[in-house]
Amino acid sequence: MTSGSISTGFTAIDDSFISSAVTWNAKQTGHANLTSLAGLTYSSGTPFVKMTEAGTFALDTNTYLTSETSHTDVLQDGDFNTYRQLN
């Protein structure tokens, strides 16, 4: 492939074959968040992306409660720390 001229309708732009990421980064500034996301590696399950700090992401594989659990068989016994099961 040879270098040529690409017409945008306004001004001709000289361009050539893009052969590496360095060339792409020269065209548009990279973004730290996207770079961090691109570095994530799938492990297993159905993880979701979690921001751990500014510009840093991780895959969260923890299991979370996804529905309400009924607690009708527990009665509070006056003391917030003591519970007894109903018979």
N, C-alpha and C. Protein backbone atom coordinates (compact mmCIF):
# COMPACT_ATOMS: atom_id res chain seq x y z
N MET A 1 0.86 -1.17 0.00
CA MET A 1 0.00 0.00 0.00
C MET A 1 0.90 1.23 0.00
N THR A 2 0.48 2.22 -0.68
CA THR A 2 1.29 3.44 -0.76
C THR A 2 0.57 4.57 -0.05
N SER A 3 1.34 5.58 0.33
CA SER A 3 0.75 6.77 0.93
C SER A 3 -0.06 7.49 -0.11
N GLY A 4 -1.09 8.18 0.33
CA GLY A 4 -1.91 8.90 -0.61
C GLY A 4 -2.56 10.09 0.05
N SER A 5 -3.57 10.59 -0.56
CA SER A 5 -4.29 11.74 -0.07
C SER A 5 -5.76 11.35 0.08
N ILE A 6 -6.34 11.67 1.22
CA ILE A 6 -7.74 11.36 1.47
C ILE A 6 -8.51 12.67 1.46
N SER A 7 -9.55 12.73 0.68
CA SER A 7 -10.34 13.95 0.59
C SER A 7 -11.48 13.90 1.59
N THR A 8 -11.61 14.92 2.39
CA THR A 8 -12.69 15.00 3.37
C THR A 8 -13.82 15.90 2.90
N GLY A 9 -13.66 16.46 1.73
CA GLY A 9 -14.66 17.40 1.24
C GLY A 9 -14.28 18.83 1.56
N PHE A 10 -13.37 19.01 2.51
CA PHE A 10 -12.94 20.36 2.88
C PHE A 10 -11.48 20.57 2.51
N THR A 11 -10.62 19.74 3.07
CA THR A 11 -9.19 19.86 2.83
C THR A 11 -8.61 18.47 2.67
N ALA A 12 -7.69 18.30 1.76
CA ALA A 12 -7.05 17.01 1.57
C ALA A 12 -6.11 16.73 2.74
N ILE A 13 -6.11 15.47 3.21
CA ILE A 13 -5.25 15.06 4.32
C ILE A 13 -4.29 14.00 3.82
N ASP A 14 -3.00 14.20 4.03
CA ASP A 14 -2.03 13.16 3.68
C ASP A 14 -2.08 12.10 4.75
N ASP A 15 -2.08 10.82 4.36
CA ASP A 15 -2.16 9.72 5.32
C ASP A 15 -1.42 8.53 4.75
N SER A 16 -1.09 7.57 5.59
CA SER A 16 -0.44 6.36 5.14
C SER A 16 -1.00 5.18 5.92
N PHE A 17 -0.56 3.99 5.59
CA PHE A 17 -1.01 2.76 6.23
C PHE A 17 -0.70 2.80 7.72
N ILE A 18 -1.68 2.46 8.56
CA ILE A 18 -1.48 2.45 10.01
C ILE A 18 -1.04 1.06 10.41
N SER A 19 0.16 0.96 10.97
CA SER A 19 0.74 -0.36 11.23
C SER A 19 0.90 -0.70 12.70
N SER A 20 0.60 0.22 13.62
CA SER A 20 0.79 -0.10 15.03
C SER A 20 -0.08 0.79 15.91
N ALA A 21 -0.20 0.41 17.17
CA ALA A 21 -0.96 1.20 18.14
C ALA A 21 -0.33 2.57 18.34
N VAL A 22 0.98 2.66 18.20
CA VAL A 22 1.67 3.94 18.34
C VAL A 22 1.10 4.93 17.32
N THR A 23 0.88 4.44 16.11
CA THR A 23 0.32 5.30 15.07
C THR A 23 -1.09 5.75 15.44
N TRP A 24 -1.91 4.82 15.96
CA TRP A 24 -3.27 5.20 16.38
C TRP A 24 -3.22 6.23 17.50
N ASN A 25 -2.35 6.04 18.48
CA ASN A 25 -2.25 6.99 19.59
C ASN A 25 -1.78 8.35 19.12
N ALA A 26 -1.02 8.38 18.04
CA ALA A 26 -0.60 9.66 17.48
C ALA A 26 -1.79 10.39 16.87
N LYS A 27 -2.79 9.64 16.43
CA LYS A 27 -3.99 10.22 15.82
C LYS A 27 -4.96 10.73 16.88
N GLN A 28 -5.11 9.99 17.99
CA GLN A 28 -6.04 10.36 19.03
C GLN A 28 -5.43 9.99 20.38
N THR A 29 -5.57 10.87 21.33
CA THR A 29 -5.01 10.63 22.65
C THR A 29 -5.69 9.44 23.32
N GLY A 30 -4.90 8.55 23.92
CA GLY A 30 -5.46 7.42 24.66
C GLY A 30 -6.09 7.92 25.96
N HIS A 31 -6.96 7.12 26.55
CA HIS A 31 -7.63 7.49 27.79
C HIS A 31 -7.33 6.43 28.84
N ALA A 32 -6.89 6.86 30.03
CA ALA A 32 -6.48 5.93 31.09
C ALA A 32 -7.59 4.96 31.47
N ASN A 33 -8.83 5.44 31.56
CA ASN A 33 -9.94 4.55 31.94
C ASN A 33 -10.13 3.44 30.92
N LEU A 34 -10.10 3.78 29.63
CA LEU A 34 -10.29 2.76 28.59
C LEU A 34 -9.12 1.79 28.56
N THR A 35 -7.92 2.29 28.80
CA THR A 35 -6.74 1.43 28.85
C THR A 35 -6.85 0.44 30.00
N SER A 36 -7.31 0.90 31.16
CA SER A 36 -7.49 0.03 32.32
C SER A 36 -8.56 -1.02 32.05
N LEU A 37 -9.67 -0.63 31.44
CA LEU A 37 -10.74 -1.58 31.10
C LEU A 37 -10.26 -2.62 30.10
N ALA A 38 -9.46 -2.20 29.15
CA ALA A 38 -8.97 -3.12 28.12
C ALA A 38 -8.05 -4.18 28.73
N GLY A 39 -7.44 -3.88 29.86
CA GLY A 39 -6.52 -4.81 30.50
C GLY A 39 -7.19 -5.88 31.36
N LEU A 40 -8.51 -5.80 31.54
CA LEU A 40 -9.21 -6.80 32.36
C LEU A 40 -9.25 -8.14 31.65
N THR A 41 -9.13 -9.21 32.43
CA THR A 41 -9.16 -10.57 31.89
C THR A 41 -10.30 -11.34 32.54
N TYR A 42 -11.16 -11.94 31.72
CA TYR A 42 -12.29 -12.73 32.22
C TYR A 42 -11.78 -13.94 32.98
N SER A 43 -12.40 -14.23 34.13
CA SER A 43 -12.00 -15.40 34.91
C SER A 43 -13.08 -16.48 34.84
N SER A 44 -14.23 -16.25 35.44
CA SER A 44 -15.33 -17.21 35.39
C SER A 44 -16.58 -16.56 35.95
N GLY A 45 -17.71 -17.24 35.79
CA GLY A 45 -18.96 -16.73 36.33
C GLY A 45 -19.48 -15.56 35.53
N THR A 46 -20.20 -14.68 36.23
CA THR A 46 -20.75 -13.48 35.58
C THR A 46 -20.29 -12.25 36.35
N PRO A 47 -19.02 -11.92 36.26
CA PRO A 47 -18.50 -10.77 36.99
C PRO A 47 -19.02 -9.46 36.41
N PHE A 48 -18.96 -8.41 37.22
CA PHE A 48 -19.27 -7.09 36.69
C PHE A 48 -18.07 -6.18 36.94
N VAL A 49 -17.99 -5.13 36.16
CA VAL A 49 -16.86 -4.21 36.25
C VAL A 49 -17.11 -3.25 37.40
N LYS A 50 -16.09 -3.08 38.24
CA LYS A 50 -16.19 -2.21 39.40
C LYS A 50 -15.00 -1.26 39.39
N MET A 51 -15.25 0.04 39.59
CA MET A 51 -14.15 0.99 39.67
C MET A 51 -13.58 0.91 41.08
N THR A 52 -12.28 0.63 41.19
CA THR A 52 -11.65 0.46 42.50
C THR A 52 -11.01 1.75 43.00
N GLU A 53 -10.59 2.59 42.10
CA GLU A 53 -10.09 3.93 42.41
C GLU A 53 -10.04 4.69 41.10
N ALA A 54 -9.62 5.92 41.13
CA ALA A 54 -9.61 6.74 39.91
C ALA A 54 -8.78 6.08 38.82
N GLY A 55 -9.41 5.80 37.69
CA GLY A 55 -8.71 5.24 36.54
C GLY A 55 -8.37 3.77 36.65
N THR A 56 -8.86 3.08 37.68
CA THR A 56 -8.54 1.66 37.87
C THR A 56 -9.83 0.86 38.02
N PHE A 57 -9.89 -0.27 37.31
CA PHE A 57 -11.09 -1.10 37.33
C PHE A 57 -10.71 -2.54 37.65
N ALA A 58 -11.68 -3.31 38.14
CA ALA A 58 -11.49 -4.73 38.44
C ALA A 58 -12.78 -5.46 38.13
N LEU A 59 -12.67 -6.78 37.93
CA LEU A 59 -13.86 -7.61 37.76
C LEU A 59 -14.26 -8.14 39.13
N ASP A 60 -15.48 -7.87 39.54
CA ASP A 60 -16.00 -8.32 40.83
C ASP A 60 -16.75 -9.63 40.60
N THR A 61 -16.26 -10.72 41.22
CA THR A 61 -16.87 -12.04 41.06
C THR A 61 -17.61 -12.49 42.32
N ASN A 62 -17.81 -11.58 43.28
CA ASN A 62 -18.52 -11.91 44.51
C ASN A 62 -19.97 -12.28 44.21
N THR A 63 -20.57 -13.04 45.12
CA THR A 63 -21.99 -13.40 45.02
C THR A 63 -22.77 -12.47 45.94
N TYR A 64 -23.80 -11.86 45.40
CA TYR A 64 -24.60 -10.91 46.16
C TYR A 64 -26.05 -11.40 46.24
N LEU A 65 -26.74 -11.02 47.31
CA LEU A 65 -28.15 -11.33 47.47
C LEU A 65 -28.93 -10.58 46.41
N THR A 66 -29.68 -11.30 45.59
CA THR A 66 -30.41 -10.66 44.50
C THR A 66 -31.91 -10.59 44.73
N SER A 67 -32.40 -11.16 45.85
CA SER A 67 -33.82 -11.06 46.17
C SER A 67 -33.99 -11.03 47.68
N GLU A 68 -35.12 -10.58 48.13
CA GLU A 68 -35.40 -10.47 49.55
C GLU A 68 -35.61 -11.86 50.16
N THR A 69 -35.07 -12.07 51.36
CA THR A 69 -35.26 -13.32 52.08
C THR A 69 -36.24 -13.08 53.23
N SER A 70 -37.20 -13.97 53.40
CA SER A 70 -38.20 -13.82 54.45
C SER A 70 -37.61 -14.20 55.80
N HIS A 71 -37.89 -13.38 56.82
CA HIS A 71 -37.40 -13.64 58.17
C HIS A 71 -38.58 -13.69 59.15
N THR A 72 -39.69 -14.29 58.75
CA THR A 72 -40.88 -14.31 59.59
C THR A 72 -40.76 -15.25 60.78
N ASP A 73 -39.77 -16.15 60.77
CA ASP A 73 -39.65 -17.11 61.87
C ASP A 73 -38.69 -16.63 62.96
N VAL A 74 -38.31 -15.37 62.95
CA VAL A 74 -37.40 -14.84 63.96
C VAL A 74 -38.12 -13.73 64.72
N LEU A 75 -38.03 -13.78 66.05
CA LEU A 75 -38.67 -12.76 66.88
C LEU A 75 -37.60 -12.05 67.70
N GLN A 76 -37.66 -10.75 67.70
CA GLN A 76 -36.72 -10.00 68.50
C GLN A 76 -37.16 -10.09 69.95
N ASP A 77 -36.21 -10.31 70.86
CA ASP A 77 -36.51 -10.60 72.26
C ASP A 77 -36.26 -9.39 73.15
N GLY A 78 -36.53 -8.17 72.68
CA GLY A 78 -36.31 -7.00 73.52
C GLY A 78 -34.88 -6.49 73.44
N ASP A 79 -33.94 -7.39 73.35
CA ASP A 79 -32.52 -7.03 73.24
C ASP A 79 -32.15 -7.09 71.76
N PHE A 80 -31.59 -6.03 71.23
CA PHE A 80 -31.24 -5.98 69.81
C PHE A 80 -30.22 -7.04 69.41
N ASN A 81 -29.53 -7.62 70.37
CA ASN A 81 -28.50 -8.61 70.06
C ASN A 81 -28.94 -10.04 70.29
N THR A 82 -30.13 -10.26 70.87
CA THR A 82 -30.58 -11.61 71.19
C THR A 82 -31.84 -11.94 70.39
N TYR A 83 -31.81 -13.05 69.68
CA TYR A 83 -32.96 -13.49 68.89
C TYR A 83 -33.28 -14.93 69.26
N ARG A 84 -34.56 -15.30 69.19
CA ARG A 84 -34.94 -16.68 69.42
C ARG A 84 -35.87 -17.11 68.31
N GLN A 85 -35.83 -18.37 67.95
CA GLN A 85 -36.68 -18.89 66.88
C GLN A 85 -38.04 -19.26 67.44
N LEU A 86 -39.10 -18.91 66.70
CA LEU A 86 -40.46 -19.27 67.10
C LEU A 86 -40.71 -20.74 66.82
N ASN A 87 -41.50 -21.40 67.67
CA ASN A 87 -41.85 -22.81 67.46
C ASN A 87 -43.17 -22.93 66.77
